Structures are given as structure tokens and as C-alpha cells.
Amino acid sequence: MINVTEHDDEVFGRLDQIELDLLIKNGLLIIGEIQSSMSKSYLYTFDKKVQFYQRRHQQESNCKMVISLMLDFKAQEIAKNLGIEVYSSARDVEFSS
């Protein structure tokens, strides 16, 4: 896992730090986030951060993933609409070769 920290003024509307976790496995780029709980608004922010990374590095991610113990029902809907895979534990994540 690689932790990327960059600075940008588009994601939050002001200059701020952007942090993402990257996993590169078998040529796949997975961009993820691990937090104990996530709200709907955080999922939108995560999606903006992923878009920022993809634009800046001109590299499309193969998967957007969050791992969180607590994600309410409405947030799960938002994740599905944004194409974000949701897991409650890192042990639940499976990678196909």
C-alpha cells in the first residue's frame, strides 16, 4: 500500500492536503480509504479526491474502494451510484489474479 499526499485547491475549493491510499497489484490501480465511519458527504469527497488523482496523474483507477465499520444505508446507495466498492473489513477484500 502506498500513501499519497498532495496539495490541491480544486477538491475542497481552497488549497488543502489530499491523501489517498493506493494499492497496485498485478497491474491494477486500486484507490482506497479506510475509516471507522463514513458519511454520504465523505463518499462524495472521496470520489472527488479520486478524480483529482486520476486527472493529475493521467491514470484511471481500476477500483475505488472504502473499508469502514459504519456506513449508513443512504451512504451505501451513494457508494453504489459512484462506483465505490464498500467493505466492513479488510479481510473481506478479495483480489482476482
PDB file of N, CA and C in Angstrom:
ATOM      1  N   MET A   1       0.845  -1.168   0.000  1.00  0.00           N
ATOM      2  CA  MET A   1       0.000   0.000   0.000  1.00  0.00           C
ATOM      3  C   MET A   1       0.890   1.230   0.000  1.00  0.00           C
ATOM      4  N   ILE A   2       0.517   2.188  -0.808  1.00  0.00           N
ATOM      5  CA  ILE A   2       1.257   3.444  -0.920  1.00  0.00           C
ATOM      6  C   ILE A   2       0.338   4.570  -0.474  1.00  0.00           C
ATOM      7  N   ASN A   3       0.807   5.391   0.447  1.00  0.00           N
ATOM      8  CA  ASN A   3       0.044   6.558   0.874  1.00  0.00           C
ATOM      9  C   ASN A   3       0.534   7.752   0.073  1.00  0.00           C
ATOM     10  N   VAL A   4      -0.391   8.399  -0.639  1.00  0.00           N
ATOM     11  CA  VAL A   4      -0.059   9.557  -1.466  1.00  0.00           C
ATOM     12  C   VAL A   4      -0.616  10.804  -0.792  1.00  0.00           C
ATOM     13  N   THR A   5       0.230  11.810  -0.628  1.00  0.00           N
ATOM     14  CA  THR A   5      -0.196  13.094  -0.079  1.00  0.00           C
ATOM     15  C   THR A   5       0.210  14.183  -1.061  1.00  0.00           C
ATOM     16  N   GLU A   6      -0.769  14.924  -1.548  1.00  0.00           N
ATOM     17  CA  GLU A   6      -0.517  16.016  -2.486  1.00  0.00           C
ATOM     18  C   GLU A   6      -1.340  17.211  -2.037  1.00  0.00           C
ATOM     19  N   HIS A   7      -1.113  18.337  -2.683  1.00  0.00           N
ATOM     20  CA  HIS A   7      -1.859  19.552  -2.358  1.00  0.00           C
ATOM     21  C   HIS A   7      -2.603  20.027  -3.599  1.00  0.00           C
ATOM     22  N   ASP A   8      -3.821  20.516  -3.383  1.00  0.00           N
ATOM     23  CA  ASP A   8      -4.666  20.945  -4.487  1.00  0.00           C
ATOM     24  C   ASP A   8      -5.662  21.976  -3.968  1.00  0.00           C
ATOM     25  N   ASP A   9      -6.146  22.837  -4.877  1.00  0.00           N
ATOM     26  CA  ASP A   9      -7.143  23.821  -4.460  1.00  0.00           C
ATOM     27  C   ASP A   9      -8.511  23.581  -5.095  1.00  0.00           C
ATOM     28  N   GLU A  10      -8.656  22.513  -5.900  1.00  0.00           N
ATOM     29  CA  GLU A  10      -9.937  22.241  -6.551  1.00  0.00           C
ATOM     30  C   GLU A  10     -10.870  21.386  -5.701  1.00  0.00           C
ATOM     31  N   VAL A  11     -10.357  20.343  -5.076  1.00  0.00           N
ATOM     32  CA  VAL A  11     -11.205  19.378  -4.381  1.00  0.00           C
ATOM     33  C   VAL A  11     -12.025  20.040  -3.283  1.00  0.00           C
ATOM     34  N   PHE A  12     -11.381  20.861  -2.439  1.00  0.00           N
ATOM     35  CA  PHE A  12     -12.079  21.489  -1.324  1.00  0.00           C
ATOM     36  C   PHE A  12     -12.385  22.967  -1.572  1.00  0.00           C
ATOM     37  N   GLY A  13     -12.029  23.486  -2.745  1.00  0.00           N
ATOM     38  CA  GLY A  13     -12.274  24.888  -3.052  1.00  0.00           C
ATOM     39  C   GLY A  13     -11.240  25.825  -2.467  1.00  0.00           C
ATOM     40  N   ARG A  14     -10.237  25.279  -1.834  1.00  0.00           N
ATOM     41  CA  ARG A  14      -9.120  26.046  -1.277  1.00  0.00           C
ATOM     42  C   ARG A  14      -7.914  25.114  -1.240  1.00  0.00           C
ATOM     43  N   LEU A  15      -6.746  25.672  -1.117  1.00  0.00           N
ATOM     44  CA  LEU A  15      -5.541  24.840  -1.065  1.00  0.00           C
ATOM     45  C   LEU A  15      -5.594  23.960   0.172  1.00  0.00           C
ATOM     46  N   ASP A  16      -5.504  22.660  -0.034  1.00  0.00           N
ATOM     47  CA  ASP A  16      -5.573  21.726   1.081  1.00  0.00           C
ATOM     48  C   ASP A  16      -4.834  20.448   0.715  1.00  0.00           C
ATOM     49  N   GLN A  17      -4.571  19.669   1.722  1.00  0.00           N
ATOM     50  CA  GLN A  17      -3.862  18.405   1.549  1.00  0.00           C
ATOM     51  C   GLN A  17      -4.844  17.321   1.095  1.00  0.00           C
ATOM     52  N   ILE A  18      -4.436  16.536   0.099  1.00  0.00           N
ATOM     53  CA  ILE A  18      -5.234  15.429  -0.415  1.00  0.00           C
ATOM     54  C   ILE A  18      -4.468  14.146  -0.107  1.00  0.00           C
ATOM     55  N   GLU A  19      -5.090  13.251   0.651  1.00  0.00           N
ATOM     56  CA  GLU A  19      -4.452  11.983   0.984  1.00  0.00           C
ATOM     57  C   GLU A  19      -5.274  10.838   0.418  1.00  0.00           C
ATOM     58  N   LEU A  20      -4.582   9.883  -0.194  1.00  0.00           N
ATOM     59  CA  LEU A  20      -5.213   8.685  -0.728  1.00  0.00           C
ATOM     60  C   LEU A  20      -4.294   7.495  -0.492  1.00  0.00           C
ATOM     61  N   ASP A  21      -4.899   6.332  -0.366  1.00  0.00           N
ATOM     62  CA  ASP A  21      -4.133   5.099  -0.280  1.00  0.00           C
ATOM     63  C   ASP A  21      -4.251   4.375  -1.608  1.00  0.00           C
ATOM     64  N   LEU A  22      -3.103   3.987  -2.160  1.00  0.00           N
ATOM     65  CA  LEU A  22      -3.072   3.280  -3.438  1.00  0.00           C
ATOM     66  C   LEU A  22      -2.560   1.873  -3.225  1.00  0.00           C
ATOM     67  N   LEU A  23      -3.137   0.959  -3.960  1.00  0.00           N
ATOM     68  CA  LEU A  23      -2.651  -0.407  -3.979  1.00  0.00           C
ATOM     69  C   LEU A  23      -2.495  -0.781  -5.441  1.00  0.00           C
ATOM     70  N   ILE A  24      -1.299  -1.199  -5.797  1.00  0.00           N
ATOM     71  CA  ILE A  24      -1.036  -1.611  -7.170  1.00  0.00           C
ATOM     72  C   ILE A  24      -0.717  -3.093  -7.121  1.00  0.00           C
ATOM     73  N   LYS A  25      -1.553  -3.879  -7.789  1.00  0.00           N
ATOM     74  CA  LYS A  25      -1.390  -5.334  -7.757  1.00  0.00           C
ATOM     75  C   LYS A  25      -1.692  -5.885  -9.143  1.00  0.00           C
ATOM     76  N   ASN A  26      -0.758  -6.653  -9.677  1.00  0.00           N
ATOM     77  CA  ASN A  26      -0.928  -7.264 -10.999  1.00  0.00           C
ATOM     78  C   ASN A  26      -1.336  -6.242 -12.059  1.00  0.00           C
ATOM     79  N   GLY A  27      -0.770  -5.043 -11.982  1.00  0.00           N
ATOM     80  CA  GLY A  27      -1.055  -4.007 -12.968  1.00  0.00           C
ATOM     81  C   GLY A  27      -2.346  -3.244 -12.734  1.00  0.00           C
ATOM     82  N   LEU A  28      -3.065  -3.554 -11.670  1.00  0.00           N
ATOM     83  CA  LEU A  28      -4.308  -2.855 -11.359  1.00  0.00           C
ATOM     84  C   LEU A  28      -4.033  -1.738 -10.358  1.00  0.00           C
ATOM     85  N   LEU A  29      -4.705  -0.604 -10.541  1.00  0.00           N
ATOM     86  CA  LEU A  29      -4.599   0.516  -9.607  1.00  0.00           C
ATOM     87  C   LEU A  29      -5.889   0.578  -8.796  1.00  0.00           C
ATOM     88  N   ILE A  30      -5.753   0.384  -7.494  1.00  0.00           N
ATOM     89  CA  ILE A  30      -6.889   0.455  -6.588  1.00  0.00           C
ATOM     90  C   ILE A  30      -6.671   1.654  -5.681  1.00  0.00           C
ATOM     91  N   ILE A  31      -7.657   2.554  -5.653  1.00  0.00           N
ATOM     92  CA  ILE A  31      -7.578   3.728  -4.790  1.00  0.00           C
ATOM     93  C   ILE A  31      -8.575   3.516  -3.662  1.00  0.00           C
ATOM     94  N   GLY A  32      -8.080   3.628  -2.429  1.00  0.00           N
ATOM     95  CA  GLY A  32      -8.940   3.298  -1.310  1.00  0.00           C
ATOM     96  C   GLY A  32      -8.819   4.239  -0.141  1.00  0.00           C
ATOM     97  N   GLU A  33      -9.710   3.994   0.809  1.00  0.00           N
ATOM     98  CA  GLU A  33      -9.753   4.767   2.041  1.00  0.00           C
ATOM     99  C   GLU A  33     -10.248   3.847   3.145  1.00  0.00           C
ATOM    100  N   ILE A  34      -9.623   3.937   4.305  1.00  0.00           N
ATOM    101  CA  ILE A  34     -10.038   3.153   5.459  1.00  0.00           C
ATOM    102  C   ILE A  34     -10.376   4.117   6.590  1.00  0.00           C
ATOM    103  N   GLN A  35     -11.613   4.023   7.091  1.00  0.00           N
ATOM    104  CA  GLN A  35     -12.060   4.882   8.190  1.00  0.00           C
ATOM    105  C   GLN A  35     -13.064   4.093   9.024  1.00  0.00           C
ATOM    106  N   SER A  36     -13.179   4.433  10.300  1.00  0.00           N
ATOM    107  CA  SER A  36     -14.122   3.719  11.163  1.00  0.00           C
ATOM    108  C   SER A  36     -15.570   3.981  10.755  1.00  0.00           C
ATOM    109  N   SER A  37     -15.872   5.203  10.321  1.00  0.00           N
ATOM    110  CA  SER A  37     -17.220   5.500   9.835  1.00  0.00           C
ATOM    111  C   SER A  37     -17.128   6.497   8.680  1.00  0.00           C
ATOM    112  N   MET A  38     -18.121   6.421   7.797  1.00  0.00           N
ATOM    113  CA  MET A  38     -18.155   7.319   6.640  1.00  0.00           C
ATOM    114  C   MET A  38     -19.577   7.790   6.401  1.00  0.00           C
ATOM    115  N   SER A  39     -19.678   9.058   6.094  1.00  0.00           N
ATOM    116  CA  SER A  39     -20.970   9.668   5.799  1.00  0.00           C
ATOM    117  C   SER A  39     -21.154   9.781   4.284  1.00  0.00           C
ATOM    118  N   LYS A  40     -22.362  10.172   3.900  1.00  0.00           N
ATOM    119  CA  LYS A  40     -22.621  10.395   2.470  1.00  0.00           C
ATOM    120  C   LYS A  40     -21.671  11.465   1.928  1.00  0.00           C
ATOM    121  N   SER A  41     -21.525  12.551   2.677  1.00  0.00           N
ATOM    122  CA  SER A  41     -20.682  13.649   2.188  1.00  0.00           C
ATOM    123  C   SER A  41     -19.231  13.207   2.053  1.00  0.00           C
ATOM    124  N   TYR A  42     -18.770  12.337   2.952  1.00  0.00           N
ATOM    125  CA  TYR A  42     -17.392  11.865   2.825  1.00  0.00           C
ATOM    126  C   TYR A  42     -17.205  11.044   1.554  1.00  0.00           C
ATOM    127  N   LEU A  43     -18.205  10.255   1.179  1.00  0.00           N
ATOM    128  CA  LEU A  43     -18.091   9.463  -0.057  1.00  0.00           C
ATOM    129  C   LEU A  43     -17.982  10.372  -1.279  1.00  0.00           C
ATOM    130  N   TYR A  44     -18.743  11.470  -1.284  1.00  0.00           N
ATOM    131  CA  TYR A  44     -18.621  12.433  -2.387  1.00  0.00           C
ATOM    132  C   TYR A  44     -17.217  13.042  -2.402  1.00  0.00           C
ATOM    133  N   THR A  45     -16.694  13.355  -1.240  1.00  0.00           N
ATOM    134  CA  THR A  45     -15.340  13.916  -1.148  1.00  0.00           C
ATOM    135  C   THR A  45     -14.308  12.900  -1.624  1.00  0.00           C
ATOM    136  N   PHE A  46     -14.444  11.657  -1.199  1.00  0.00           N
ATOM    137  CA  PHE A  46     -13.531  10.605  -1.644  1.00  0.00           C
ATOM    138  C   PHE A  46     -13.553  10.486  -3.168  1.00  0.00           C
ATOM    139  N   ASP A  47     -14.741  10.514  -3.762  1.00  0.00           N
ATOM    140  CA  ASP A  47     -14.849  10.427  -5.214  1.00  0.00           C
ATOM    141  C   ASP A  47     -14.148  11.606  -5.884  1.00  0.00           C
ATOM    142  N   LYS A  48     -14.288  12.817  -5.320  1.00  0.00           N
ATOM    143  CA  LYS A  48     -13.589  13.992  -5.870  1.00  0.00           C
ATOM    144  C   LYS A  48     -12.075  13.824  -5.773  1.00  0.00           C
ATOM    145  N   LYS A  49     -11.604  13.254  -4.658  1.00  0.00           N
ATOM    146  CA  LYS A  49     -10.167  13.033  -4.481  1.00  0.00           C
ATOM    147  C   LYS A  49      -9.650  12.023  -5.510  1.00  0.00           C
ATOM    148  N   VAL A  50     -10.432  10.991  -5.784  1.00  0.00           N
ATOM    149  CA  VAL A  50     -10.041  10.003  -6.799  1.00  0.00           C
ATOM    150  C   VAL A  50      -9.969  10.667  -8.166  1.00  0.00           C
ATOM    151  N   GLN A  51     -10.976  11.468  -8.501  1.00  0.00           N
ATOM    152  CA  GLN A  51     -10.973  12.175  -9.785  1.00  0.00           C
ATOM    153  C   GLN A  51      -9.756  13.090  -9.905  1.00  0.00           C
ATOM    154  N   PHE A  52      -9.437  13.793  -8.816  1.00  0.00           N
ATOM    155  CA  PHE A  52      -8.250  14.651  -8.794  1.00  0.00           C
ATOM    156  C   PHE A  52      -6.999  13.831  -9.101  1.00  0.00           C
ATOM    157  N   TYR A  53      -6.811  12.711  -8.426  1.00  0.00           N
ATOM    158  CA  TYR A  53      -5.627  11.871  -8.635  1.00  0.00           C
ATOM    159  C   TYR A  53      -5.559  11.395 -10.090  1.00  0.00           C
ATOM    160  N   GLN A  54      -6.674  10.945 -10.618  1.00  0.00           N
ATOM    161  CA  GLN A  54      -6.700  10.436 -11.996  1.00  0.00           C
ATOM    162  C   GLN A  54      -6.339  11.530 -12.999  1.00  0.00           C
ATOM    163  N   ARG A  55      -6.858  12.744 -12.785  1.00  0.00           N
ATOM    164  CA  ARG A  55      -6.514  13.859 -13.689  1.00  0.00           C
ATOM    165  C   ARG A  55      -5.038  14.219 -13.578  1.00  0.00           C
ATOM    166  N   ARG A  56      -4.571  14.384 -12.352  1.00  0.00           N
ATOM    167  CA  ARG A  56      -3.192  14.822 -12.135  1.00  0.00           C
ATOM    168  C   ARG A  56      -2.188  13.814 -12.682  1.00  0.00           C
ATOM    169  N   HIS A  57      -2.454  12.538 -12.518  1.00  0.00           N
ATOM    170  CA  HIS A  57      -1.502  11.504 -12.915  1.00  0.00           C
ATOM    171  C   HIS A  57      -1.864  10.827 -14.234  1.00  0.00           C
ATOM    172  N   GLN A  58      -2.947  11.291 -14.850  1.00  0.00           N
ATOM    173  CA  GLN A  58      -3.407  10.759 -16.125  1.00  0.00           C
ATOM    174  C   GLN A  58      -3.429   9.237 -16.100  1.00  0.00           C
ATOM    175  N   GLN A  59      -4.031   8.716 -15.037  1.00  0.00           N
ATOM    176  CA  GLN A  59      -4.121   7.273 -14.861  1.00  0.00           C
ATOM    177  C   GLN A  59      -5.478   6.931 -14.250  1.00  0.00           C
ATOM    178  N   GLU A  60      -6.227   6.131 -14.935  1.00  0.00           N
ATOM    179  CA  GLU A  60      -7.548   5.712 -14.473  1.00  0.00           C
ATOM    180  C   GLU A  60      -7.407   4.587 -13.454  1.00  0.00           C
ATOM    181  N   SER A  61      -8.158   4.681 -12.374  1.00  0.00           N
ATOM    182  CA  SER A  61      -8.117   3.599 -11.384  1.00  0.00           C
ATOM    183  C   SER A  61      -9.009   2.457 -11.854  1.00  0.00           C
ATOM    184  N   ASN A  62      -8.631   1.249 -11.489  1.00  0.00           N
ATOM    185  CA  ASN A  62      -9.438   0.079 -11.811  1.00  0.00           C
ATOM    186  C   ASN A  62     -10.525  -0.148 -10.768  1.00  0.00           C
ATOM    187  N   CYS A  63     -10.323   0.434  -9.588  1.00  0.00           N
ATOM    188  CA  CYS A  63     -11.262   0.202  -8.499  1.00  0.00           C
ATOM    189  C   CYS A  63     -11.172   1.336  -7.490  1.00  0.00           C
ATOM    190  N   LYS A  64     -12.343   1.800  -7.037  1.00  0.00           N
ATOM    191  CA  LYS A  64     -12.428   2.733  -5.912  1.00  0.00           C
ATOM    192  C   LYS A  64     -13.018   1.929  -4.761  1.00  0.00           C
ATOM    193  N   MET A  65     -12.342   1.966  -3.603  1.00  0.00           N
ATOM    194  CA  MET A  65     -12.737   1.100  -2.510  1.00  0.00           C
ATOM    195  C   MET A  65     -12.669   1.825  -1.172  1.00  0.00           C
ATOM    196  N   VAL A  66     -13.675   1.597  -0.333  1.00  0.00           N
ATOM    197  CA  VAL A  66     -13.622   2.088   1.036  1.00  0.00           C
ATOM    198  C   VAL A  66     -13.847   0.907   1.983  1.00  0.00           C
ATOM    199  N   ILE A  67     -13.148   0.971   3.105  1.00  0.00           N
ATOM    200  CA  ILE A  67     -13.322  -0.012   4.166  1.00  0.00           C
ATOM    201  C   ILE A  67     -13.743   0.771   5.395  1.00  0.00           C
ATOM    202  N   SER A  68     -14.937   0.457   5.900  1.00  0.00           N
ATOM    203  CA  SER A  68     -15.483   1.197   7.027  1.00  0.00           C
ATOM    204  C   SER A  68     -16.425   0.298   7.824  1.00  0.00           C
ATOM    205  N   LEU A  69     -16.305   0.374   9.136  1.00  0.00           N
ATOM    206  CA  LEU A  69     -17.195  -0.402  10.005  1.00  0.00           C
ATOM    207  C   LEU A  69     -18.621   0.129   9.985  1.00  0.00           C
ATOM    208  N   MET A  70     -18.753   1.446   9.866  1.00  0.00           N
ATOM    209  CA  MET A  70     -20.085   2.052   9.919  1.00  0.00           C
ATOM    210  C   MET A  70     -20.340   2.912   8.687  1.00  0.00           C
ATOM    211  N   LEU A  71     -21.317   2.475   7.917  1.00  0.00           N
ATOM    212  CA  LEU A  71     -21.723   3.196   6.718  1.00  0.00           C
ATOM    213  C   LEU A  71     -23.237   3.068   6.646  1.00  0.00           C
ATOM    214  N   ASP A  72     -23.957   4.183   6.814  1.00  0.00           N
ATOM    215  CA  ASP A  72     -25.412   4.052   6.855  1.00  0.00           C
ATOM    216  C   ASP A  72     -25.988   3.668   5.497  1.00  0.00           C
ATOM    217  N   PHE A  73     -27.247   3.263   5.521  1.00  0.00           N
ATOM    218  CA  PHE A  73     -27.911   2.744   4.326  1.00  0.00           C
ATOM    219  C   PHE A  73     -27.843   3.724   3.153  1.00  0.00           C
ATOM    220  N   LYS A  74     -28.125   5.002   3.419  1.00  0.00           N
ATOM    221  CA  LYS A  74     -28.097   6.003   2.343  1.00  0.00           C
ATOM    222  C   LYS A  74     -26.690   6.178   1.784  1.00  0.00           C
ATOM    223  N   ALA A  75     -25.689   6.081   2.637  1.00  0.00           N
ATOM    224  CA  ALA A  75     -24.303   6.187   2.163  1.00  0.00           C
ATOM    225  C   ALA A  75     -23.952   4.995   1.280  1.00  0.00           C
ATOM    226  N   GLN A  76     -24.491   3.824   1.589  1.00  0.00           N
ATOM    227  CA  GLN A  76     -24.251   2.648   0.753  1.00  0.00           C
ATOM    228  C   GLN A  76     -24.817   2.851  -0.644  1.00  0.00           C
ATOM    229  N   GLU A  77     -25.982   3.486  -0.719  1.00  0.00           N
ATOM    230  CA  GLU A  77     -26.585   3.816  -2.014  1.00  0.00           C
ATOM    231  C   GLU A  77     -25.702   4.764  -2.808  1.00  0.00           C
ATOM    232  N   ILE A  78     -25.187   5.782  -2.134  1.00  0.00           N
ATOM    233  CA  ILE A  78     -24.307   6.764  -2.783  1.00  0.00           C
ATOM    234  C   ILE A  78     -23.065   6.057  -3.313  1.00  0.00           C
ATOM    235  N   ALA A  79     -22.477   5.192  -2.494  1.00  0.00           N
ATOM    236  CA  ALA A  79     -21.276   4.453  -2.914  1.00  0.00           C
ATOM    237  C   ALA A  79     -21.564   3.653  -4.177  1.00  0.00           C
ATOM    238  N   LYS A  80     -22.685   2.977  -4.201  1.00  0.00           N
ATOM    239  CA  LYS A  80     -23.047   2.183  -5.384  1.00  0.00           C
ATOM    240  C   LYS A  80     -23.169   3.079  -6.617  1.00  0.00           C
ATOM    241  N   ASN A  81     -23.837   4.228  -6.464  1.00  0.00           N
ATOM    242  CA  ASN A  81     -24.013   5.158  -7.593  1.00  0.00           C
ATOM    243  C   ASN A  81     -22.686   5.733  -8.081  1.00  0.00           C
ATOM    244  N   LEU A  82     -21.720   5.885  -7.165  1.00  0.00           N
ATOM    245  CA  LEU A  82     -20.411   6.439  -7.542  1.00  0.00           C
ATOM    246  C   LEU A  82     -19.424   5.353  -7.979  1.00  0.00           C
ATOM    247  N   GLY A  83     -19.842   4.093  -7.932  1.00  0.00           N
ATOM    248  CA  GLY A  83     -18.955   3.001  -8.333  1.00  0.00           C
ATOM    249  C   GLY A  83     -17.873   2.703  -7.307  1.00  0.00           C
ATOM    250  N   ILE A  84     -18.188   2.942  -6.039  1.00  0.00           N
ATOM    251  CA  ILE A  84     -17.230   2.697  -4.957  1.00  0.00           C
ATOM    252  C   ILE A  84     -17.585   1.378  -4.285  1.00  0.00           C
ATOM    253  N   GLU A  85     -16.635   0.475  -4.231  1.00  0.00           N
ATOM    254  CA  GLU A  85     -16.838  -0.787  -3.536  1.00  0.00           C
ATOM    255  C   GLU A  85     -16.711  -0.545  -2.034  1.00  0.00           C
ATOM    256  N   VAL A  86     -17.588  -1.166  -1.248  1.00  0.00           N
ATOM    257  CA  VAL A  86     -17.622  -0.956   0.194  1.00  0.00           C
ATOM    258  C   VAL A  86     -17.394  -2.285   0.911  1.00  0.00           C
ATOM    259  N   TYR A  87     -16.507  -2.247   1.900  1.00  0.00           N
ATOM    260  CA  TYR A  87     -16.224  -3.421   2.730  1.00  0.00           C
ATOM    261  C   TYR A  87     -16.233  -2.993   4.186  1.00  0.00           C
ATOM    262  N   SER A  88     -16.624  -3.906   5.076  1.00  0.00           N
ATOM    263  CA  SER A  88     -16.609  -3.591   6.501  1.00  0.00           C
ATOM    264  C   SER A  88     -15.316  -4.054   7.169  1.00  0.00           C
ATOM    265  N   SER A  89     -14.523  -4.843   6.457  1.00  0.00           N
ATOM    266  CA  SER A  89     -13.253  -5.323   6.984  1.00  0.00           C
ATOM    267  C   SER A  89     -12.288  -5.555   5.835  1.00  0.00           C
ATOM    268  N   ALA A  90     -11.013  -5.321   6.086  1.00  0.00           N
ATOM    269  CA  ALA A  90     -10.001  -5.575   5.052  1.00  0.00           C
ATOM    270  C   ALA A  90      -9.949  -7.058   4.714  1.00  0.00           C
ATOM    271  N   ARG A  91     -10.346  -7.914   5.645  1.00  0.00           N
ATOM    272  CA  ARG A  91     -10.339  -9.358   5.393  1.00  0.00           C
ATOM    273  C   ARG A  91     -11.366  -9.774   4.348  1.00  0.00           C
ATOM    274  N   ASP A  92     -12.377  -8.922   4.118  1.00  0.00           N
ATOM    275  CA  ASP A  92     -13.424  -9.245   3.154  1.00  0.00           C
ATOM    276  C   ASP A  92     -13.001  -8.975   1.715  1.00  0.00           C
ATOM    277  N   VAL A  93     -11.919  -8.249   1.526  1.00  0.00           N
ATOM    278  CA  VAL A  93     -11.475  -7.860   0.184  1.00  0.00           C
ATOM    279  C   VAL A  93     -10.776  -9.035  -0.477  1.00  0.00           C
ATOM    280  N   GLU A  94     -11.224  -9.366  -1.675  1.00  0.00           N
ATOM    281  CA  GLU A  94     -10.595 -10.435  -2.458  1.00  0.00           C
ATOM    282  C   GLU A  94     -10.132  -9.857  -3.784  1.00  0.00           C
ATOM    283  N   PHE A  95      -8.964 -10.263  -4.205  1.00  0.00           N
ATOM    284  CA  PHE A  95      -8.420  -9.810  -5.479  1.00  0.00           C
ATOM    285  C   PHE A  95      -8.368 -10.990  -6.425  1.00  0.00           C
ATOM    286  N   SER A  96      -8.870 -10.790  -7.630  1.00  0.00           N
ATOM    287  CA  SER A  96      -8.731 -11.852  -8.625  1.00  0.00           C
ATOM    288  C   SER A  96      -7.436 -11.603  -9.404  1.00  0.00           C
ATOM    289  N   SER A  97      -6.734 -12.650  -9.711  1.00  0.00           N
ATOM    290  CA  SER A  97      -5.440 -12.532 -10.388  1.00  0.00           C
ATOM    291  C   SER A  97      -5.613 -12.212 -11.843  1.00  0.00           C
TER     292      SER A  97
END
